[in-house]
Every structure is written in structure tokens, then in C-alpha cells.
Amino acid sequence: MPFIDRTSVPPLDLAPGVRLWPFHGPNLMLAYVELDAGAVVPLHHHPHEQGGMVVSGKLRFTIGGETKECGPGDLYLIPPDVPHSVVAFDGPAVALDVFTPVREDYAARVNTFVGK
């Protein structure tokens, strides 16, 4: 199944105003993330490498103590175990996150395996 209909599954609620749709294969996870205006993903870390791109809106990332405001088309990389947080400012925002290896905590909550 190489194509995904994001609307076919309910989102995970990560924090107030933050919804995530994770989809994964055996080794990689993609997550479509919507953030309401002012929504905050609190400072956290995990053993997964994470990268992504801001699709729309503006996000203020803090990654390993460095803060930067990112807009559409801006990319970010978060190494494993590095503390990071994000805030949607100046309106709602959408991002696409990529994780490797697959985040089992997300996968266990929603059956979104895309494989044979």
C-alpha cells in the first residue's frame, strides 16, 4: 500500500491543540502534525532521530538549547536524545515529521503500518 489517506485514521492528541497522524513502514515513520495557534509541544527527548519540514504557518523550535523561528519550507533535524520543544506562533501551523527508527509509542496507539 504505497499511498496513504491521512483522514482514514483518527489523530493522536499529543498536547492541547497538537494533533499527529503517524504512518510507518518497518524502519521509518512519517507524521503529519497540526498545531493550533499558541499550541506547545513541551520540552522532551527520545532515542529516535527526528527531522521534518514546516508545511504552513510559523513554528518556534528550541533544539538542544538553540531557538529558531521557522516558516514554510524550513527544515529541521533533531539528533537522538537531544531535548527539544516547539510552539506555534502567529497562527496555526502544519509540519511533517520523520522518525527513525519507528516510534513504538506512537505505533502502539494507532495501527498505521503501511506495508505488505
C-alpha atoms as a PDB file:
ATOM      1  CA  MET A   1       0.000   0.000   0.000  1.00  0.00           C
ATOM      2  CA  PRO A   2       2.192   2.881  -1.217  1.00  0.00           C
ATOM      3  CA  PHE A   3      -0.415   5.653  -0.813  1.00  0.00           C
ATOM      4  CA  ILE A   4      -1.869   6.925   2.434  1.00  0.00           C
ATOM      5  CA  ASP A   5      -5.197   8.597   3.189  1.00  0.00           C
ATOM      6  CA  ARG A   6      -4.417  10.545   6.365  1.00  0.00           C
ATOM      7  CA  THR A   7      -8.105  11.152   7.019  1.00  0.00           C
ATOM      8  CA  SER A   8      -8.756   7.402   7.253  1.00  0.00           C
ATOM      9  CA  VAL A   9      -7.478   7.236  10.844  1.00  0.00           C
ATOM     10  CA  PRO A  10      -8.056   9.416  13.896  1.00  0.00           C
ATOM     11  CA  PRO A  11      -5.171  11.585  15.083  1.00  0.00           C
ATOM     12  CA  LEU A  12      -3.187  11.216  18.274  1.00  0.00           C
ATOM     13  CA  ASP A  13      -3.577  14.149  20.659  1.00  0.00           C
ATOM     14  CA  LEU A  14      -0.010  14.925  21.769  1.00  0.00           C
ATOM     15  CA  ALA A  15      -0.685  18.076  23.778  1.00  0.00           C
ATOM     16  CA  PRO A  16      -3.517  20.614  23.921  1.00  0.00           C
ATOM     17  CA  GLY A  17      -4.010  21.843  20.359  1.00  0.00           C
ATOM     18  CA  VAL A  18      -1.500  19.372  18.842  1.00  0.00           C
ATOM     19  CA  ARG A  19      -2.704  16.502  16.644  1.00  0.00           C
ATOM     20  CA  LEU A  20      -0.476  13.949  14.939  1.00  0.00           C
ATOM     21  CA  TRP A  21      -1.159  11.300  12.301  1.00  0.00           C
ATOM     22  CA  PRO A  22       1.719   8.773  12.305  1.00  0.00           C
ATOM     23  CA  PHE A  23       2.233   6.284   9.489  1.00  0.00           C
ATOM     24  CA  HIS A  24       5.111   3.833   9.297  1.00  0.00           C
ATOM     25  CA  GLY A  25       6.806   1.024   7.473  1.00  0.00           C
ATOM     26  CA  PRO A  26       9.302  -1.371   9.026  1.00  0.00           C
ATOM     27  CA  ASN A  27      12.069   1.243   9.509  1.00  0.00           C
ATOM     28  CA  LEU A  28      10.657   4.745   9.074  1.00  0.00           C
ATOM     29  CA  MET A  29       7.778   6.765  10.482  1.00  0.00           C
ATOM     30  CA  LEU A  30       6.140   9.831   8.913  1.00  0.00           C
ATOM     31  CA  ALA A  31       3.870  12.056  10.960  1.00  0.00           C
ATOM     32  CA  TYR A  32       1.586  14.822   9.735  1.00  0.00           C
ATOM     33  CA  VAL A  33       1.312  17.300  12.618  1.00  0.00           C
ATOM     34  CA  GLU A  34      -1.264  20.075  13.089  1.00  0.00           C
ATOM     35  CA  LEU A  35      -0.755  22.727  15.763  1.00  0.00           C
ATOM     36  CA  ASP A  36      -3.386  25.278  16.742  1.00  0.00           C
ATOM     37  CA  ALA A  37      -2.278  28.875  17.277  1.00  0.00           C
ATOM     38  CA  GLY A  38      -0.310  29.062  20.528  1.00  0.00           C
ATOM     39  CA  ALA A  39      -0.040  25.272  20.903  1.00  0.00           C
ATOM     40  CA  VAL A  40       3.065  23.998  22.664  1.00  0.00           C
ATOM     41  CA  VAL A  41       4.890  20.682  22.460  1.00  0.00           C
ATOM     42  CA  PRO A  42       6.771  20.799  25.780  1.00  0.00           C
ATOM     43  CA  LEU A  43      10.482  20.153  26.122  1.00  0.00           C
ATOM     44  CA  HIS A  44      11.156  16.419  25.725  1.00  0.00           C
ATOM     45  CA  HIS A  45      13.625  13.985  24.210  1.00  0.00           C
ATOM     46  CA  HIS A  46      13.550  10.469  22.777  1.00  0.00           C
ATOM     47  CA  PRO A  47      16.044   7.967  21.356  1.00  0.00           C
ATOM     48  CA  HIS A  48      14.738   8.449  17.799  1.00  0.00           C
ATOM     49  CA  GLU A  49      16.364  10.656  15.196  1.00  0.00           C
ATOM     50  CA  GLN A  50      13.779  13.200  14.009  1.00  0.00           C
ATOM     51  CA  GLY A  51      13.699  15.503  11.042  1.00  0.00           C
ATOM     52  CA  GLY A  52      10.998  17.468   9.371  1.00  0.00           C
ATOM     53  CA  MET A  53       9.712  20.429   7.459  1.00  0.00           C
ATOM     54  CA  VAL A  54       7.282  23.220   8.237  1.00  0.00           C
ATOM     55  CA  VAL A  55       4.450  22.919   5.708  1.00  0.00           C
ATOM     56  CA  SER A  56       2.456  26.004   6.730  1.00  0.00           C
ATOM     57  CA  GLY A  57       2.393  28.590   9.493  1.00  0.00           C
ATOM     58  CA  LYS A  58       5.237  29.507  11.819  1.00  0.00           C
ATOM     59  CA  LEU A  59       6.899  27.336  14.440  1.00  0.00           C
ATOM     60  CA  ARG A  60       9.418  28.344  17.095  1.00  0.00           C
ATOM     61  CA  PHE A  61      11.730  25.394  17.734  1.00  0.00           C
ATOM     62  CA  THR A  62      14.160  25.005  20.583  1.00  0.00           C
ATOM     63  CA  ILE A  63      16.596  22.177  19.838  1.00  0.00           C
ATOM     64  CA  GLY A  64      19.454  21.483  22.205  1.00  0.00           C
ATOM     65  CA  GLY A  65      19.225  24.973  23.682  1.00  0.00           C
ATOM     66  CA  GLU A  66      19.168  26.790  20.311  1.00  0.00           C
ATOM     67  CA  THR A  67      15.931  28.585  19.338  1.00  0.00           C
ATOM     68  CA  LYS A  68      14.870  29.486  15.799  1.00  0.00           C
ATOM     69  CA  GLU A  69      11.645  30.620  14.168  1.00  0.00           C
ATOM     70  CA  CYS A  70      10.802  28.516  11.109  1.00  0.00           C
ATOM     71  CA  GLY A  71       8.274  29.015   8.319  1.00  0.00           C
ATOM     72  CA  PRO A  72       7.021  27.082   5.298  1.00  0.00           C
ATOM     73  CA  GLY A  73       9.779  25.116   3.619  1.00  0.00           C
ATOM     74  CA  ASP A  74      12.186  25.357   6.562  1.00  0.00           C
ATOM     75  CA  LEU A  75      13.744  22.057   7.602  1.00  0.00           C
ATOM     76  CA  TYR A  76      14.952  20.828  10.986  1.00  0.00           C
ATOM     77  CA  LEU A  77      16.998  17.887  12.268  1.00  0.00           C
ATOM     78  CA  ILE A  78      16.908  16.646  15.847  1.00  0.00           C
ATOM     79  CA  PRO A  79      19.560  14.097  16.843  1.00  0.00           C
ATOM     80  CA  PRO A  80      18.626  11.246  19.197  1.00  0.00           C
ATOM     81  CA  ASP A  81      18.221  12.176  22.880  1.00  0.00           C
ATOM     82  CA  VAL A  82      18.506  15.952  22.289  1.00  0.00           C
ATOM     83  CA  PRO A  83      15.912  17.965  24.262  1.00  0.00           C
ATOM     84  CA  HIS A  84      13.537  19.908  22.025  1.00  0.00           C
ATOM     85  CA  SER A  85      10.233  21.800  22.083  1.00  0.00           C
ATOM     86  CA  VAL A  86       8.059  23.702  19.621  1.00  0.00           C
ATOM     87  CA  VAL A  87       5.476  26.490  19.764  1.00  0.00           C
ATOM     88  CA  ALA A  88       3.039  27.528  17.025  1.00  0.00           C
ATOM     89  CA  PHE A  89       3.021  31.318  16.934  1.00  0.00           C
ATOM     90  CA  ASP A  90       1.293  33.841  14.706  1.00  0.00           C
ATOM     91  CA  GLY A  91      -1.499  31.369  13.895  1.00  0.00           C
ATOM     92  CA  PRO A  92      -1.900  27.624  13.324  1.00  0.00           C
ATOM     93  CA  ALA A  93       0.814  25.533  11.693  1.00  0.00           C
ATOM     94  CA  VAL A  94       1.392  22.198   9.971  1.00  0.00           C
ATOM     95  CA  ALA A  95       4.618  20.179   9.909  1.00  0.00           C
ATOM     96  CA  LEU A  96       5.756  16.865   8.506  1.00  0.00           C
ATOM     97  CA  ASP A  97       7.957  14.890  10.914  1.00  0.00           C
ATOM     98  CA  VAL A  98      10.107  11.877  10.085  1.00  0.00           C
ATOM     99  CA  PHE A  99      11.376   9.434  12.724  1.00  0.00           C
ATOM    100  CA  THR A 100      13.841   6.590  12.610  1.00  0.00           C
ATOM    101  CA  PRO A 101      13.606   4.051  13.998  1.00  0.00           C
ATOM    102  CA  VAL A 102       9.823   3.832  14.217  1.00  0.00           C
ATOM    103  CA  ARG A 103       8.400   5.336  17.409  1.00  0.00           C
ATOM    104  CA  GLU A 104       6.801   2.302  19.006  1.00  0.00           C
ATOM    105  CA  ASP A 105       4.911   4.527  21.466  1.00  0.00           C
ATOM    106  CA  TYR A 106       3.026   6.102  18.542  1.00  0.00           C
ATOM    107  CA  ALA A 107       2.709   2.862  16.583  1.00  0.00           C
ATOM    108  CA  ALA A 108       1.174   1.086  19.581  1.00  0.00           C
ATOM    109  CA  ARG A 109      -1.529   3.752  19.905  1.00  0.00           C
ATOM    110  CA  VAL A 110      -2.634   3.789  16.258  1.00  0.00           C
ATOM    111  CA  ASN A 111      -2.403   0.918  13.788  1.00  0.00           C
ATOM    112  CA  THR A 112      -0.913   2.816  10.851  1.00  0.00           C
ATOM    113  CA  PHE A 113       1.554   0.291   9.464  1.00  0.00           C
ATOM    114  CA  VAL A 114       1.893   0.773   5.721  1.00  0.00           C
ATOM    115  CA  GLY A 115       3.436  -2.417   4.404  1.00  0.00           C
ATOM    116  CA  LYS A 116       2.769  -5.674   2.694  1.00  0.00           C
END
